[in-house]
Amino acid sequence: MTKTIAFSLIAAASLGLAACSSPEATNNVANDAANATNDVANAADNAMNAAGNAMNAASNATNAAANATNAAM
């Protein structure tokens, strides 16, 4: 019985705090979450760009080697 009362008091306090929280605080949390999502997406884009640059560098090296081979013949 005491656990039920304790849980009821915790639930009531939580709901009261949620009801009293300002819309600005709610918006800040939502904006922070959106910004974090964008940061992750940007990091993924940067990783993909870096991989693409590495592939281009490898291709350039291959072409340089082929050009050197052709020049030697």
C-alpha atoms as a PDB file:
ATOM      1  CA  MET A   1       0.000   0.000   0.000  1.00  0.00           C
ATOM      2  CA  THR A   2       2.779   2.449   0.830  1.00  0.00           C
ATOM      3  CA  LYS A   3       4.462   1.746  -2.508  1.00  0.00           C
ATOM      4  CA  THR A   4       1.232   2.527  -4.326  1.00  0.00           C
ATOM      5  CA  ILE A   5       0.911   5.826  -2.475  1.00  0.00           C
ATOM      6  CA  ALA A   6       4.559   6.662  -3.152  1.00  0.00           C
ATOM      7  CA  PHE A   7       4.190   5.887  -6.850  1.00  0.00           C
ATOM      8  CA  SER A   8       1.007   7.962  -6.970  1.00  0.00           C
ATOM      9  CA  LEU A   9       2.802  10.915  -5.401  1.00  0.00           C
ATOM     10  CA  ILE A  10       5.711  10.593  -7.835  1.00  0.00           C
ATOM     11  CA  ALA A  11       3.321  10.400 -10.794  1.00  0.00           C
ATOM     12  CA  ALA A  12       1.352  13.421  -9.561  1.00  0.00           C
ATOM     13  CA  ALA A  13       4.532  15.424  -9.025  1.00  0.00           C
ATOM     14  CA  SER A  14       5.824  14.513 -12.475  1.00  0.00           C
ATOM     15  CA  LEU A  15       2.558  15.470 -14.124  1.00  0.00           C
ATOM     16  CA  GLY A  16       2.497  18.712 -12.172  1.00  0.00           C
ATOM     17  CA  LEU A  17       6.015  19.585 -13.275  1.00  0.00           C
ATOM     18  CA  ALA A  18       5.193  18.708 -16.867  1.00  0.00           C
ATOM     19  CA  ALA A  19       2.073  20.863 -16.761  1.00  0.00           C
ATOM     20  CA  CYS A  20       4.016  23.785 -15.280  1.00  0.00           C
ATOM     21  CA  SER A  21       6.933  23.594 -17.682  1.00  0.00           C
ATOM     22  CA  SER A  22       7.078  26.526 -20.036  1.00  0.00           C
ATOM     23  CA  PRO A  23       6.411  26.155 -23.754  1.00  0.00           C
ATOM     24  CA  GLU A  24       9.808  27.769 -24.301  1.00  0.00           C
ATOM     25  CA  ALA A  25      11.534  24.936 -22.442  1.00  0.00           C
ATOM     26  CA  THR A  26       9.596  22.407 -24.509  1.00  0.00           C
ATOM     27  CA  ASN A  27      10.592  24.196 -27.707  1.00  0.00           C
ATOM     28  CA  ASN A  28      14.221  24.264 -26.579  1.00  0.00           C
ATOM     29  CA  VAL A  29      14.206  20.519 -26.032  1.00  0.00           C
ATOM     30  CA  ALA A  30      12.627  19.960 -29.450  1.00  0.00           C
ATOM     31  CA  ASN A  31      15.138  22.278 -31.102  1.00  0.00           C
ATOM     32  CA  ASP A  32      18.040  20.570 -29.349  1.00  0.00           C
ATOM     33  CA  ALA A  33      16.821  17.198 -30.588  1.00  0.00           C
ATOM     34  CA  ALA A  34      16.428  18.531 -34.133  1.00  0.00           C
ATOM     35  CA  ASN A  35      19.913  20.056 -34.013  1.00  0.00           C
ATOM     36  CA  ALA A  36      21.412  16.795 -32.781  1.00  0.00           C
ATOM     37  CA  THR A  37      19.706  14.956 -35.649  1.00  0.00           C
ATOM     38  CA  ASN A  38      21.099  17.465 -38.128  1.00  0.00           C
ATOM     39  CA  ASP A  39      24.576  17.092 -36.620  1.00  0.00           C
ATOM     40  CA  VAL A  40      24.423  13.330 -37.114  1.00  0.00           C
ATOM     41  CA  ALA A  41      23.220  13.744 -40.694  1.00  0.00           C
ATOM     42  CA  ASN A  42      26.005  16.242 -41.412  1.00  0.00           C
ATOM     43  CA  ALA A  43      28.601  13.906 -39.930  1.00  0.00           C
ATOM     44  CA  ALA A  44      27.330  11.111 -42.162  1.00  0.00           C
ATOM     45  CA  ASP A  45      27.474  13.403 -45.202  1.00  0.00           C
ATOM     46  CA  ASN A  46      31.028  14.411 -44.319  1.00  0.00           C
ATOM     47  CA  ALA A  47      32.047  10.764 -43.969  1.00  0.00           C
ATOM     48  CA  MET A  48      30.538   9.957 -47.363  1.00  0.00           C
ATOM     49  CA  ASN A  49      32.321  12.926 -48.939  1.00  0.00           C
ATOM     50  CA  ALA A  50      35.621  11.851 -47.404  1.00  0.00           C
ATOM     51  CA  ALA A  51      35.134   8.336 -48.759  1.00  0.00           C
ATOM     52  CA  GLY A  52      34.363   9.751 -52.193  1.00  0.00           C
ATOM     53  CA  ASN A  53      37.489  11.907 -52.043  1.00  0.00           C
ATOM     54  CA  ALA A  54      39.571   8.877 -51.095  1.00  0.00           C
ATOM     55  CA  MET A  55      38.138   6.939 -54.039  1.00  0.00           C
ATOM     56  CA  ASN A  56      38.968   9.834 -56.358  1.00  0.00           C
ATOM     57  CA  ALA A  57      42.515   9.991 -55.023  1.00  0.00           C
ATOM     58  CA  ALA A  58      42.935   6.250 -55.587  1.00  0.00           C
ATOM     59  CA  SER A  59      41.573   6.607 -59.109  1.00  0.00           C
ATOM     60  CA  ASN A  60      43.966   9.469 -59.795  1.00  0.00           C
ATOM     61  CA  ALA A  61      46.874   7.382 -58.556  1.00  0.00           C
ATOM     62  CA  THR A  62      45.811   4.495 -60.793  1.00  0.00           C
ATOM     63  CA  ASN A  63      45.568   6.821 -63.775  1.00  0.00           C
ATOM     64  CA  ALA A  64      49.002   8.273 -63.016  1.00  0.00           C
ATOM     65  CA  ALA A  65      50.499   4.793 -62.879  1.00  0.00           C
ATOM     66  CA  ALA A  66      48.832   3.881 -66.179  1.00  0.00           C
ATOM     67  CA  ASN A  67      50.093   7.082 -67.771  1.00  0.00           C
ATOM     68  CA  ALA A  68      53.626   6.351 -66.557  1.00  0.00           C
ATOM     69  CA  THR A  69      53.410   2.835 -67.954  1.00  0.00           C
ATOM     70  CA  ASN A  70      52.179   4.133 -71.299  1.00  0.00           C
ATOM     71  CA  ALA A  71      54.918   6.731 -71.441  1.00  0.00           C
ATOM     72  CA  ALA A  72      57.569   4.097 -70.786  1.00  0.00           C
ATOM     73  CA  MET A  73      56.461   1.976 -73.752  1.00  0.00           C
END
